[in-house]
Every structure is written in C-alpha cells, then in structure tokens.
Protein backbone atom coordinates (compact mmCIF):
# COMPACT_ATOMS: atom_id res chain seq x y z
CA MET A 1 -88.30 -64.55 -79.54
CA PRO A 2 -88.10 -60.52 -79.96
CA GLU A 3 -86.56 -59.35 -83.05
CA ASN A 4 -84.56 -56.09 -80.95
CA LEU A 5 -82.77 -58.90 -78.89
CA LEU A 6 -80.93 -61.02 -81.21
CA ARG A 7 -80.89 -60.74 -84.81
CA THR A 8 -78.84 -63.04 -87.66
CA THR A 9 -76.38 -62.29 -90.05
CA ILE A 10 -75.24 -64.98 -92.56
CA ASP A 11 -72.49 -64.37 -95.18
CA LYS A 12 -71.28 -67.68 -96.83
CA GLU A 13 -69.26 -69.24 -93.65
CA SER A 14 -69.43 -67.04 -91.58
CA ILE A 15 -72.59 -65.97 -88.99
CA SER A 16 -73.10 -62.61 -86.95
CA LEU A 17 -75.34 -62.77 -83.78
CA GLU A 18 -75.88 -58.84 -83.10
CA PHE A 19 -77.27 -58.79 -79.86
CA SER A 20 -80.08 -55.65 -78.62
CA GLY A 21 -82.15 -54.03 -75.83
CA GLU A 22 -81.17 -55.76 -72.26
CA LEU A 23 -79.80 -59.10 -71.89
CA THR A 24 -80.85 -60.54 -68.41
CA LEU A 25 -81.68 -63.53 -66.95
CA TYR A 26 -85.77 -63.04 -67.85
CA ASN A 27 -84.32 -63.07 -71.58
CA LEU A 28 -81.86 -65.51 -71.20
CA HIS A 29 -83.92 -68.71 -72.09
CA GLN A 30 -85.33 -67.20 -75.25
CA ALA A 31 -81.89 -66.16 -76.38
CA GLN A 32 -80.59 -70.01 -75.42
CA GLU A 33 -83.82 -71.50 -77.45
CA PHE A 34 -83.31 -69.47 -80.80
CA ILE A 35 -79.21 -70.20 -80.65
CA ALA A 36 -80.18 -73.87 -80.20
CA LYS A 37 -81.90 -74.10 -83.61
CA ILE A 38 -79.25 -72.75 -85.44
CA GLU A 39 -76.53 -74.89 -86.54
CA LEU A 40 -72.84 -73.13 -85.17
CA SER A 41 -70.78 -75.88 -85.74
CA ASN A 42 -71.60 -75.48 -89.38
CA PHE A 43 -69.93 -71.99 -89.56
CA LYS A 44 -66.24 -71.19 -89.62
CA LYS A 45 -66.15 -67.69 -88.04
CA ILE A 46 -69.16 -66.99 -85.19
CA THR A 47 -69.24 -63.25 -83.96
CA VAL A 48 -71.02 -62.17 -80.91
CA ASP A 49 -72.11 -58.16 -81.63
CA LEU A 50 -72.65 -56.64 -78.40
CA ARG A 51 -73.07 -52.82 -79.75
CA ASP A 52 -76.44 -52.49 -79.75
CA ALA A 53 -76.40 -53.83 -76.03
CA ARG A 54 -77.90 -51.44 -73.55
CA TYR A 55 -77.17 -53.71 -70.04
CA LEU A 56 -75.81 -56.98 -69.50
CA ASP A 57 -76.02 -59.35 -66.25
CA THR A 58 -73.84 -62.02 -65.09
CA ALA A 59 -75.93 -64.77 -66.12
CA PHE A 60 -75.93 -63.77 -69.77
CA ALA A 61 -72.29 -63.17 -69.78
CA LEU A 62 -72.03 -67.03 -68.41
CA PHE A 63 -73.74 -67.91 -71.75
CA LEU A 64 -71.99 -65.79 -73.33
CA THR A 65 -68.68 -67.12 -72.12
CA ASP A 66 -69.92 -70.83 -72.40
CA LEU A 67 -70.31 -69.61 -76.33
CA GLN A 68 -67.19 -68.00 -76.73
CA GLU A 69 -65.21 -71.60 -74.86
CA GLU A 70 -67.39 -73.71 -77.12
CA TYR A 71 -67.30 -72.18 -80.50
CA HIS A 72 -64.15 -70.03 -80.40
CA VAL A 73 -66.41 -66.85 -80.70
CA ASN A 74 -65.09 -63.66 -81.93
CA THR A 75 -66.70 -60.51 -79.63
CA GLU A 76 -67.56 -57.24 -80.71
CA CYS A 77 -67.96 -54.94 -77.94
CA THR A 78 -67.31 -51.05 -77.49
CA ASN A 79 -68.71 -51.14 -73.97
CA THR A 80 -65.79 -51.30 -71.36
CA ASN A 81 -68.47 -52.61 -68.64
CA PHE A 82 -69.55 -55.36 -70.70
CA LEU A 83 -66.23 -56.28 -71.54
CA HIS A 84 -65.17 -56.22 -67.47
CA THR A 85 -68.06 -58.39 -67.25
CA LEU A 86 -67.47 -61.12 -68.98
CA ALA A 87 -63.74 -60.88 -68.39
CA LEU A 88 -64.58 -61.60 -64.57
CA THR A 89 -67.44 -64.12 -65.35
CA LYS A 90 -64.23 -65.92 -67.51
CA GLU A 91 -62.28 -65.50 -65.06
CA HIS A 92 -64.17 -67.38 -62.21
CA LYS A 93 -65.72 -70.12 -64.03
CA LYS A 94 -62.29 -71.52 -64.47
CA LYS A 95 -61.78 -70.86 -61.17
CA LEU A 96 -64.81 -72.87 -60.54
CA ASP A 97 -64.23 -75.48 -63.03
CA LYS A 98 -60.57 -75.93 -61.60
CA LYS A 99 -62.25 -76.44 -57.94
CA TYR A 100 -64.47 -78.83 -59.01
CA LYS A 101 -63.26 -80.69 -61.26
CA LEU A 102 -63.07 -84.35 -60.25
CA SER A 103 -59.81 -86.12 -60.35
CA LYS A 104 -59.08 -89.72 -60.60
CA GLU A 105 -59.08 -91.27 -57.60
CA ASN A 106 -55.57 -93.70 -57.00
CA ILE A 107 -56.28 -96.74 -55.07
CA PHE A 108 -54.87 -95.13 -51.18
CA GLU A 109 -57.96 -92.49 -51.39
CA CYS A 110 -60.15 -95.19 -51.93
CA MET A 111 -59.31 -97.03 -49.53
CA GLY A 112 -58.68 -94.55 -46.98
CA LYS A 113 -62.28 -93.04 -47.47
CA THR A 114 -63.70 -96.35 -47.15
CA PHE A 115 -61.99 -97.03 -44.10
CA TYR A 116 -63.10 -93.31 -42.94
CA ARG A 117 -66.48 -94.59 -43.60
CA SER A 118 -66.47 -97.53 -41.57
CA TYR A 119 -64.88 -95.80 -39.34
CA LEU A 120 -67.85 -93.46 -38.76
CA SER A 121 -70.50 -95.93 -39.20
CA PHE A 122 -68.80 -97.85 -36.30
CA ILE A 123 -68.68 -94.48 -33.83
CA SER A 124 -72.60 -94.30 -34.75
CA PHE A 125 -73.54 -97.53 -33.59
CA MET A 126 -71.20 -97.95 -30.51
CA GLU A 127 -73.28 -94.50 -29.93
CA PHE A 128 -76.66 -96.32 -30.60
CA ILE A 129 -75.43 -99.38 -28.27
CA GLY A 130 -74.51 -96.89 -25.40
CA LYS A 131 -78.35 -95.69 -26.03
CA VAL A 132 -79.55 -99.00 -25.63
CA PHE A 133 -77.64 -99.78 -22.31
CA VAL A 134 -78.84 -96.54 -20.96
CA SER A 135 -82.56 -97.07 -21.84
CA PHE A 136 -82.07 -100.82 -20.16
CA LEU A 137 -81.28 -99.56 -17.13
CA LEU A 138 -84.04 -96.66 -17.09
CA TYR A 139 -86.10 -99.79 -18.63
CA PHE A 140 -85.79 -102.08 -15.69
CA LYS A 141 -85.70 -99.79 -13.25
CA SER A 142 -89.30 -100.30 -12.34
CA VAL A 143 -91.45 -103.36 -12.94
CA LYS A 144 -93.99 -100.52 -14.74
CA ASN A 145 -91.84 -99.58 -17.26
CA ILE A 146 -91.65 -103.20 -18.76
CA ARG A 147 -93.62 -103.24 -22.11
CA ILE A 148 -94.88 -106.82 -21.34
CA LYS A 149 -97.46 -106.78 -24.24
CA GLU A 150 -95.07 -105.45 -26.92
CA ILE A 151 -92.80 -108.00 -25.99
CA ALA A 152 -95.44 -110.56 -25.94
CA PHE A 153 -96.49 -109.42 -29.55
CA GLU A 154 -92.53 -109.28 -30.62
CA ILE A 155 -92.02 -112.49 -29.31
CA ASN A 156 -94.92 -114.02 -31.34
CA GLU A 157 -93.90 -112.31 -34.63
CA SER A 158 -90.17 -112.64 -34.55
CA ALA A 159 -89.80 -115.63 -32.77
CA LEU A 160 -93.22 -118.24 -32.36
CA ARG A 161 -93.73 -117.25 -36.20
CA ALA A 162 -90.25 -117.94 -36.74
CA LEU A 163 -90.66 -121.96 -35.67
CA GLY A 164 -91.48 -123.36 -38.41
CA ILE A 165 -88.42 -122.06 -41.03
CA VAL A 166 -86.02 -122.75 -38.23
CA ALA A 167 -87.31 -126.39 -37.37
CA LEU A 168 -87.37 -127.59 -41.28
CA THR A 169 -84.16 -125.54 -42.00
CA SER A 170 -82.65 -127.62 -38.78
CA PHE A 171 -84.06 -130.86 -40.33
CA LEU A 172 -82.91 -130.66 -43.85
CA ILE A 173 -79.15 -129.62 -42.48
CA GLY A 174 -78.78 -132.35 -40.28
CA LEU A 175 -79.78 -134.79 -42.87
CA VAL A 176 -77.80 -133.58 -45.17
CA THR A 177 -74.85 -133.51 -42.91
CA ALA A 178 -75.62 -137.45 -41.71
CA TYR A 179 -76.27 -138.54 -45.05
CA GLN A 180 -72.45 -137.17 -46.37
CA ALA A 181 -70.93 -138.32 -42.63
CA ALA A 182 -72.95 -142.01 -43.40
CA TYR A 183 -71.44 -142.37 -46.54
CA GLN A 184 -67.85 -141.99 -45.27
CA LEU A 185 -67.75 -143.39 -42.34
CA GLN A 186 -69.77 -146.82 -44.03
CA ARG A 187 -66.07 -147.10 -46.33
CA TYR A 188 -64.50 -147.81 -42.75
CA GLY A 189 -66.57 -149.55 -40.55
CA GLY A 190 -67.03 -146.58 -38.11
CA ASN A 191 -71.25 -146.35 -38.63
CA ILE A 192 -71.46 -145.84 -34.61
CA PHE A 193 -69.10 -142.47 -34.55
CA ILE A 194 -71.99 -140.67 -36.49
CA VAL A 195 -73.52 -140.20 -33.48
CA ASP A 196 -70.03 -138.27 -31.86
CA MET A 197 -69.95 -136.05 -35.22
CA MET A 198 -73.79 -135.00 -35.50
CA GLY A 199 -73.84 -134.59 -31.10
CA ILE A 200 -71.03 -132.02 -31.02
CA SER A 201 -71.52 -130.35 -34.36
CA ILE A 202 -75.04 -129.96 -34.49
CA PHE A 203 -75.27 -128.88 -30.46
CA ARG A 204 -72.19 -126.71 -30.78
CA GLU A 205 -72.13 -124.93 -34.23
CA LEU A 206 -74.40 -126.06 -36.61
CA ALA A 207 -77.48 -125.69 -34.51
CA PRO A 208 -77.11 -121.97 -32.87
CA LEU A 209 -75.47 -120.56 -36.33
CA ILE A 210 -79.10 -121.68 -38.84
CA THR A 211 -80.79 -120.44 -36.34
CA ALA A 212 -79.12 -117.19 -36.39
CA ILE A 213 -78.93 -117.33 -40.26
CA VAL A 214 -82.28 -117.51 -40.43
CA ILE A 215 -83.46 -115.18 -38.16
CA ALA A 216 -81.54 -112.65 -39.35
CA GLY A 217 -83.17 -113.09 -42.86
CA ARG A 218 -85.89 -113.02 -41.21
CA SER A 219 -86.90 -110.98 -38.00
CA GLY A 220 -83.80 -109.14 -38.69
CA SER A 221 -84.92 -107.48 -42.12
CA ALA A 222 -88.35 -107.30 -40.25
CA TYR A 223 -87.21 -104.89 -37.83
CA THR A 224 -85.01 -101.91 -40.25
CA ALA A 225 -88.38 -102.33 -42.97
CA GLN A 226 -90.70 -101.64 -39.93
CA ILE A 227 -88.91 -99.14 -38.39
CA GLY A 228 -87.71 -97.60 -41.21
CA ALA A 229 -91.07 -96.96 -42.84
CA MET A 230 -91.66 -95.59 -39.23
CA LYS A 231 -89.11 -93.33 -39.68
CA ILE A 232 -90.01 -91.89 -43.28
CA THR A 233 -93.50 -91.76 -42.45
CA GLN A 234 -92.36 -89.58 -39.29
CA GLU A 235 -94.01 -91.87 -36.64
CA ILE A 236 -90.94 -92.04 -34.55
CA ASP A 237 -90.78 -88.19 -34.59
CA ALA A 238 -94.86 -88.16 -33.67
CA MET A 239 -93.67 -90.15 -30.79
CA ARG A 240 -91.14 -88.03 -29.34
CA THR A 241 -93.32 -85.00 -30.09
CA MET A 242 -96.40 -86.45 -27.63
CA GLY A 243 -93.09 -87.64 -24.92
CA PHE A 244 -93.21 -91.30 -26.02
CA ASP A 245 -89.26 -92.61 -26.03
CA PRO A 246 -89.03 -94.74 -29.18
CA TYR A 247 -85.98 -96.45 -27.42
CA THR A 248 -88.77 -98.08 -24.89
CA PHE A 249 -91.33 -98.81 -27.47
CA LEU A 250 -89.69 -99.78 -30.41
CA VAL A 251 -86.05 -100.73 -29.77
CA LEU A 252 -86.67 -102.52 -25.97
CA PRO A 253 -89.34 -104.76 -26.83
CA ARG A 254 -87.89 -106.02 -30.33
CA ILE A 255 -84.16 -106.71 -28.52
CA VAL A 256 -85.58 -108.70 -25.27
CA ALA A 257 -88.23 -110.79 -27.19
CA LEU A 258 -85.29 -112.14 -29.75
CA VAL A 259 -82.95 -112.23 -27.00
CA VAL A 260 -85.32 -114.34 -24.88
CA MET A 261 -86.57 -116.90 -27.93
CA LEU A 262 -83.70 -117.48 -29.58
CA PRO A 263 -81.98 -120.14 -27.08
CA ILE A 264 -85.04 -121.78 -26.86
CA LEU A 265 -85.37 -121.57 -30.74
CA ILE A 266 -81.74 -122.87 -30.77
CA PHE A 267 -83.06 -126.28 -28.77
CA ALA A 268 -86.23 -126.40 -31.43
CA ALA A 269 -82.89 -126.38 -34.17
CA ASP A 270 -81.14 -129.18 -31.75
CA ILE A 271 -83.87 -131.54 -31.78
CA MET A 272 -84.95 -131.26 -35.19
CA ALA A 273 -81.43 -131.66 -36.33
CA MET A 274 -81.14 -134.76 -34.20
CA LEU A 275 -84.32 -136.10 -36.01
CA GLY A 276 -82.82 -135.45 -39.42
CA GLY A 277 -79.40 -137.98 -38.32
CA ILE A 278 -81.70 -140.42 -36.77
CA ILE A 279 -83.49 -140.92 -39.75
CA VAL A 280 -80.64 -141.18 -41.86
CA ALA A 281 -78.50 -143.28 -39.43
CA ASP A 282 -81.72 -145.95 -39.12
CA LEU A 283 -82.16 -146.14 -43.17
CA SER A 284 -78.69 -145.71 -44.07
CA LEU A 285 -76.41 -147.56 -41.63
CA ASP A 286 -78.48 -149.49 -40.08
CA LEU A 287 -78.44 -148.12 -36.55
CA PRO A 288 -81.70 -148.02 -34.95
CA PRO A 289 -83.12 -144.82 -33.14
CA ALA A 290 -83.17 -146.32 -29.49
CA LEU A 291 -78.82 -147.50 -29.84
CA PHE A 292 -78.45 -143.88 -31.75
CA ILE A 293 -80.15 -142.17 -28.48
CA ASP A 294 -78.13 -144.56 -26.11
CA ARG A 295 -74.74 -143.71 -27.79
CA LEU A 296 -76.09 -139.92 -27.93
CA GLN A 297 -76.19 -140.11 -24.02
CA GLU A 298 -73.05 -141.76 -23.29
CA VAL A 299 -70.38 -139.91 -25.51
CA VAL A 300 -72.17 -136.46 -26.29
CA ALA A 301 -71.79 -134.53 -22.71
CA MET A 302 -74.39 -131.54 -21.75
CA LYS A 303 -72.09 -129.07 -21.78
CA HIS A 304 -71.66 -129.47 -25.91
CA PHE A 305 -75.41 -128.81 -25.86
CA TYR A 306 -75.57 -125.40 -23.01
CA VAL A 307 -72.58 -123.84 -25.39
CA GLY A 308 -74.77 -123.65 -28.10
CA LEU A 309 -77.68 -122.58 -26.03
CA VAL A 310 -75.29 -119.54 -24.28
CA LYS A 311 -74.42 -118.35 -27.79
CA GLY A 312 -78.15 -117.76 -28.35
CA PRO A 313 -78.18 -114.57 -26.34
CA PHE A 314 -75.28 -112.91 -27.90
CA PHE A 315 -76.66 -113.82 -31.48
CA ALA A 316 -80.05 -112.09 -30.39
CA PHE A 317 -78.21 -109.04 -29.38
CA LEU A 318 -76.53 -108.50 -32.43
CA ILE A 319 -79.19 -109.24 -34.93
CA ALA A 320 -81.45 -107.13 -32.98
CA SER A 321 -79.41 -103.77 -32.55
CA ILE A 322 -77.88 -104.32 -35.75
CA GLY A 323 -81.42 -104.28 -37.40
CA ILE A 324 -82.80 -102.22 -35.95
CA TYR A 325 -79.75 -99.63 -35.77
CA ARG A 326 -80.47 -99.74 -39.82
CA GLY A 327 -83.68 -98.76 -38.98
CA LEU A 328 -83.11 -95.32 -37.50
CA ILE A 329 -80.83 -94.17 -39.77
CA VAL A 330 -83.27 -95.29 -43.19
CA LYS A 331 -83.42 -91.55 -44.74
CA ASP A 332 -86.07 -89.77 -46.31
CA ASP A 333 -86.88 -92.32 -49.34
CA THR A 334 -88.32 -95.43 -50.22
CA GLN A 335 -84.56 -96.71 -51.89
CA SER A 336 -82.92 -95.81 -48.33
CA ILE A 337 -85.32 -98.57 -47.05
CA GLY A 338 -84.12 -101.67 -49.42
CA TYR A 339 -80.46 -100.51 -48.97
CA ASN A 340 -80.78 -100.73 -45.23
CA THR A 341 -82.67 -103.74 -44.90
CA THR A 342 -79.72 -105.53 -47.39
CA LYS A 343 -77.17 -103.83 -45.11
CA SER A 344 -78.78 -105.37 -42.21
CA VAL A 345 -79.13 -109.16 -43.08
CA VAL A 346 -75.04 -108.92 -44.54
CA GLU A 347 -73.87 -107.12 -41.25
CA SER A 348 -75.97 -109.50 -38.70
CA LEU A 349 -74.37 -112.46 -40.77
CA PHE A 350 -71.24 -111.26 -40.75
CA ALA A 351 -71.42 -110.60 -37.04
CA VAL A 352 -72.89 -113.81 -35.64
CA ILE A 353 -70.35 -115.37 -37.73
CA VAL A 354 -67.42 -113.46 -36.24
CA CYS A 355 -69.12 -114.10 -32.56
CA ASP A 356 -68.86 -117.24 -33.72
CA ALA A 357 -65.57 -117.74 -33.92
CA VAL A 358 -64.85 -115.98 -30.67
CA PHE A 359 -67.07 -118.41 -28.72
CA SER A 360 -65.22 -121.21 -30.80
CA ILE A 361 -61.82 -120.06 -29.42
CA ALA A 362 -62.61 -119.11 -26.08
CA PHE A 363 -64.45 -122.53 -25.46
CA THR A 364 -61.65 -124.39 -26.74
CA ASN A 365 -58.38 -122.72 -24.93
CA LEU A 366 -60.84 -122.94 -21.98
CA GLY A 367 -61.57 -126.86 -22.18
CA ILE A 368 -65.34 -126.36 -22.60
C-alpha cells in the first residue's frame, strides 16, 4: 500500500482516513484491501479527508459513497470538483438502486408472467411444427429426398430396441389388470366377463397409452439429448454451413420412423397384455385359454383394436416433435440438456394424455 495514497489517524473512538494523490480506478483495489483490514465498525466517528487529493474519478467516488452510506462517514474536502463528483455519484446511485430494486411480486404478476412465458413457448413450438410440415412437403416431393438409411437406423434405435421393454411392461400391466379384475368378478360369478373387460380396455386405451409412455420416456428423451448435444458441439451449425438441412437429416427421419413403428409396437403390446390376461384367467378363474380366445372373438369387435392402432401415429408425432423441439432449443451449457430432456418427457406425456382424452371423447360421440 503506497504511503502517499492513504494514511490513518486514530484518536480513541474516532479515525481519520486521509487520502492523497490521484484517487483512480487503478489504485482503488489497494485502498479497498487496506480499509478492509480496519474494523471501521469499532469507531463511532469516521472522517474521510480529501484535502490532499489531486484527482478523483467516478469509480473511486462510488467507493467513497458506499463508505458514507454504510458507516455514516464525514467528508472533509475543499475541492468543489470533488464535492460535485461525489454528489453526482450519490444521486445516480440512488436512481440505479431504485430502478433495480426487486419488488415482491404478487400472485397475479406471477400468474401473468407464467402464462406469457407459456404463450411464447407455444408460439415457438407452433413455428417449429410449421417448419416440419413444410419440410415434409419438400421431403416427399421426390423419392431421392427420402433418407432411407437414416429412417431405417432410427427405426432400429427408437422402436425395435424398445420392443423388449414395451412387451414386458404391457405383459405386466395385463397381468395386474386381470388379477385385480378377477378378484371382483369371482365374487359375483362373472368370471367370463374378464374377457370383455380386458379386450376393450387393453385394445382401446391401455396398450396405446402404455406404449406411448414407454416410448416418450425412452426414445423421446433420447431425441432431446442427442440433438441437444449436437447443438452444444455446434454440429448443427456445421451442417447448415455445409449446405445440409438439419430438418431433412435429423428431424424428419426420426418423426417418420416413430410414426411408422408405434402402431406396430402397440400391436405387440396388445398381444403381450392379452397374454397376461389369459394366464391370470386360467390360473385364478379356471378359464381355459381356448375359451378365453373364443369369447374374445365373439364379444370384442375389431373396431376396438383399430381404434388403438389409429392413435399410434398421432402419439408418435407428438412424442417425436416435442423431443426434437426441446433438443433444438438447448442452450450452450450442459445443464440445459438435462432441463430440456426432463421437460420433453413431461410435455410428451401430457400431450399424449390430452390427445388420448380427445380421441376417447370423439370416438364415444361418434359411436365407435
């Protein structure tokens, strides 16, 4: 600490900070370190003496203003320019503090901001959907534009590799559903009606919904993580620089693969869930598999099976588009990948459930 910059004079419970020379940003850090070592709170009277100072800039003036506000410092100065600089600094500091002072938001402000952010997010997503549809029109304009290898690769990665977990999950759901129903039906002697219940609920609702949930958690989140990582490493920017359209090479193959394969996965889920029901019916209700299948053909119309399959492409489009969109809006940090991956799963599940509810209401009103 230069001796000619700051000296201290201590007299019992008072201290005088005597500054001299040029008080600028370049020696501000030295003055701050020196004063930090002094316990100013132990003194009742603190004086800042600027009579020997030759120059004062705004950075040092801001530091002195903070001292005045924190410790109620008295300032001794005969230089009118210094006093004018300190006054201006104090005045502007009050304006800035008032401007940036955080006020406590009420519930209506929070709700308004939340709805506005949701509105902006929805508009951004609809813009993405518009680009996807335009890309689809250009994609199928010529057979040469269709990326067969990319679609086949995504079919294998996002659908065929998920077949095992979809089958196991559906089998367990069918097993549990049939077991719970068997206990109630056995009490009233309606063992045979387990076929009606299982057939309609599995084909129309449970198999499509369970399959969509598994795919959203597995493949939808993978889309977000993969494309998000590509965005962070600037691979997507590099593709645009080289003249490749990311929608053609990254977005559309994933959507097409999932739209094609989800009905097939739902079909597999139907079989496995009914297999679980057949096992429970045979073991708990003494209903042979042959009788179960005959009853299934008699009372469960094929329309229930087709209703479940029809939902597949719509669920697939929602899951793939939300997962890819979340990947494309990932920011340049790894934390954003985790955040958007979580959001993609939650939003995909919500969209699938809403879509399923719309289908259920529409089909019921149409008598299907």
